[in-house]
C-alpha atoms as a PDB file:
ATOM      1  CA  MET A   1     140.633  44.072-149.300  1.00  0.00           C
ATOM      2  CA  ARG A   2     137.014  43.884-148.516  1.00  0.00           C
ATOM      3  CA  PRO A   3     136.209  45.826-144.708  1.00  0.00           C
ATOM      4  CA  GLY A   4     134.949  43.776-142.386  1.00  0.00           C
ATOM      5  CA  PRO A   5     131.922  44.511-139.448  1.00  0.00           C
ATOM      6  CA  PRO A   6     131.109  47.765-137.719  1.00  0.00           C
ATOM      7  CA  VAL A   7     133.580  47.858-134.394  1.00  0.00           C
ATOM      8  CA  GLY A   8     129.854  47.429-131.831  1.00  0.00           C
ATOM      9  CA  SER A   9     128.736  43.886-133.934  1.00  0.00           C
ATOM     10  CA  GLN A  10     132.176  42.834-133.205  1.00  0.00           C
ATOM     11  CA  ARG A  11     131.431  43.439-129.990  1.00  0.00           C
ATOM     12  CA  PHE A  12     128.548  41.489-129.376  1.00  0.00           C
ATOM     13  CA  THR A  13     129.925  38.757-131.020  1.00  0.00           C
ATOM     14  CA  LEU A  14     133.322  38.513-129.368  1.00  0.00           C
ATOM     15  CA  SER A  15     130.423  38.712-126.168  1.00  0.00           C
ATOM     16  CA  ARG A  16     128.556  36.232-127.085  1.00  0.00           C
ATOM     17  CA  ALA A  17     131.263  33.872-127.401  1.00  0.00           C
ATOM     18  CA  LEU A  18     132.211  35.455-123.351  1.00  0.00           C
ATOM     19  CA  TRP A  19     128.574  34.028-123.054  1.00  0.00           C
ATOM     20  CA  HIS A  20     129.498  30.143-124.168  1.00  0.00           C
ATOM     21  CA  TYR A  21     132.745  30.832-122.249  1.00  0.00           C
ATOM     22  CA  LEU A  22     131.909  31.534-118.385  1.00  0.00           C
ATOM     23  CA  TRP A  23     128.520  29.427-118.869  1.00  0.00           C
ATOM     24  CA  GLU A  24     129.926  26.164-120.668  1.00  0.00           C
ATOM     25  CA  PRO A  25     133.488  26.420-121.398  1.00  0.00           C
ATOM     26  CA  GLU A  26     133.660  23.640-123.864  1.00  0.00           C
ATOM     27  CA  PRO A  27     136.876  24.566-126.856  1.00  0.00           C
ATOM     28  CA  ILE A  28     134.575  24.990-129.851  1.00  0.00           C
ATOM     29  CA  PHE A  29     131.216  26.384-129.845  1.00  0.00           C
ATOM     30  CA  LEU A  30     129.379  28.302-132.615  1.00  0.00           C
ATOM     31  CA  VAL A  31     128.075  31.815-132.479  1.00  0.00           C
ATOM     32  CA  THR A  32     125.242  31.518-134.586  1.00  0.00           C
ATOM     33  CA  THR A  33     122.041  33.668-135.379  1.00  0.00           C
ATOM     34  CA  ALA A  34     119.751  30.840-135.176  1.00  0.00           C
ATOM     35  CA  TYR A  35     116.536  31.648-132.293  1.00  0.00           C
ATOM     36  CA  THR A  36     117.131  28.559-130.272  1.00  0.00           C
ATOM     37  CA  ASP A  37     116.912  29.829-125.879  1.00  0.00           C
ATOM     38  CA  ARG A  38     120.644  29.230-126.014  1.00  0.00           C
ATOM     39  CA  GLN A  39     121.392  31.480-128.624  1.00  0.00           C
ATOM     40  CA  LYS A  40     117.994  34.107-127.182  1.00  0.00           C
ATOM     41  CA  VAL A  41     120.373  33.921-123.179  1.00  0.00           C
ATOM     42  CA  GLU A  42     123.827  34.644-124.800  1.00  0.00           C
ATOM     43  CA  ARG A  43     122.463  37.434-126.932  1.00  0.00           C
ATOM     44  CA  ALA A  44     120.571  39.075-124.083  1.00  0.00           C
ATOM     45  CA  PHE A  45     124.069  38.318-122.164  1.00  0.00           C
ATOM     46  CA  ALA A  46     125.647  40.854-124.417  1.00  0.00           C
ATOM     47  CA  ALA A  47     123.513  43.130-124.855  1.00  0.00           C
ATOM     48  CA  GLU A  48     123.097  44.173-120.949  1.00  0.00           C
ATOM     49  CA  LEU A  49     127.074  43.998-121.119  1.00  0.00           C
ATOM     50  CA  LEU A  50     127.446  46.206-123.391  1.00  0.00           C
ATOM     51  CA  ALA A  51     124.813  48.595-122.887  1.00  0.00           C
ATOM     52  CA  PRO A  52     122.954  47.852-119.702  1.00  0.00           C
ATOM     53  CA  ALA A  53     119.716  48.851-119.196  1.00  0.00           C
ATOM     54  CA  ALA A  54     120.872  50.729-116.030  1.00  0.00           C
ATOM     55  CA  GLY A  55     122.913  53.439-118.397  1.00  0.00           C
ATOM     56  CA  ILE A  56     120.431  53.566-120.707  1.00  0.00           C
ATOM     57  CA  SER A  57     117.929  54.707-119.098  1.00  0.00           C
ATOM     58  CA  GLU A  58     119.777  57.342-117.166  1.00  0.00           C
ATOM     59  CA  LEU A  59     120.376  58.773-120.336  1.00  0.00           C
ATOM     60  CA  LEU A  60     117.721  58.944-122.003  1.00  0.00           C
ATOM     61  CA  GLY A  61     116.381  60.587-118.306  1.00  0.00           C
ATOM     62  CA  ASP A  62     112.820  60.056-116.815  1.00  0.00           C
ATOM     63  CA  ALA A  63     110.557  59.440-120.439  1.00  0.00           C
ATOM     64  CA  PRO A  64     112.413  56.575-122.130  1.00  0.00           C
ATOM     65  CA  GLU A  65     109.259  54.975-123.757  1.00  0.00           C
ATOM     66  CA  ALA A  66     109.734  58.544-125.348  1.00  0.00           C
ATOM     67  CA  ALA A  67     112.699  58.273-127.683  1.00  0.00           C
ATOM     68  CA  VAL A  68     113.058  58.662-131.231  1.00  0.00           C
ATOM     69  CA  GLN A  69     115.285  56.700-133.945  1.00  0.00           C
ATOM     70  CA  ASP A  70     117.548  60.077-133.244  1.00  0.00           C
ATOM     71  CA  ASP A  71     118.062  59.313-129.824  1.00  0.00           C
ATOM     72  CA  LEU A  72     118.481  55.568-130.247  1.00  0.00           C
ATOM     73  CA  GLU A  73     121.529  56.142-132.139  1.00  0.00           C
ATOM     74  CA  VAL A  74     122.874  58.783-129.251  1.00  0.00           C
ATOM     75  CA  VAL A  75     122.615  55.962-126.748  1.00  0.00           C
ATOM     76  CA  ALA A  76     124.358  53.650-129.229  1.00  0.00           C
ATOM     77  CA  GLU A  77     127.377  55.396-130.078  1.00  0.00           C
ATOM     78  CA  HIS A  78     127.521  56.296-126.589  1.00  0.00           C
ATOM     79  CA  PHE A  79     127.715  52.105-126.103  1.00  0.00           C
ATOM     80  CA  GLN A  80     128.921  51.479-129.022  1.00  0.00           C
ATOM     81  CA  VAL A  81     127.213  48.416-130.468  1.00  0.00           C
ATOM     82  CA  SER A  82     123.649  49.159-132.526  1.00  0.00           C
ATOM     83  CA  PRO A  83     120.098  51.613-131.804  1.00  0.00           C
ATOM     84  CA  MET A  84     118.966  47.534-132.839  1.00  0.00           C
ATOM     85  CA  VAL A  85     120.597  46.297-128.903  1.00  0.00           C
ATOM     86  CA  ILE A  86     119.896  50.180-127.742  1.00  0.00           C
ATOM     87  CA  LYS A  87     116.052  49.310-128.865  1.00  0.00           C
ATOM     88  CA  HIS A  88     115.746  45.445-127.610  1.00  0.00           C
ATOM     89  CA  GLN A  89     117.468  47.193-123.901  1.00  0.00           C
ATOM     90  CA  LEU A  90     114.501  49.179-124.257  1.00  0.00           C
ATOM     91  CA  ASP A  91     111.440  46.549-125.300  1.00  0.00           C
ATOM     92  CA  ASN A  92     112.812  43.939-123.742  1.00  0.00           C
ATOM     93  CA  GLN A  93     114.371  45.771-120.143  1.00  0.00           C
ATOM     94  CA  LEU A  94     112.807  49.242-119.529  1.00  0.00           C
ATOM     95  CA  LEU A  95     109.678  49.049-121.065  1.00  0.00           C
ATOM     96  CA  ALA A  96     108.592  45.932-120.263  1.00  0.00           C
ATOM     97  CA  VAL A  97     107.903  45.902-116.606  1.00  0.00           C
END
């Protein structure tokens, strides 16, 4: 039996699907790897739902720009997401200000 995707990936995909359901409750939709504006919005929604920028900031303290890979992994484990989600939240929410 082949193992499925990591739990964090499953949660992220389900959160993206939740955005579709809430925003455009159509009976059929695709969650794809495309980079359309709509896909970007659903990814941002999923990231903020699963790993809120405010929570990441609280865990990293006063210097989120000094976070290293080990820090990202600890925070990712806390929120049960991949370190890439934390990195994107840092880049797009906390450090972009």
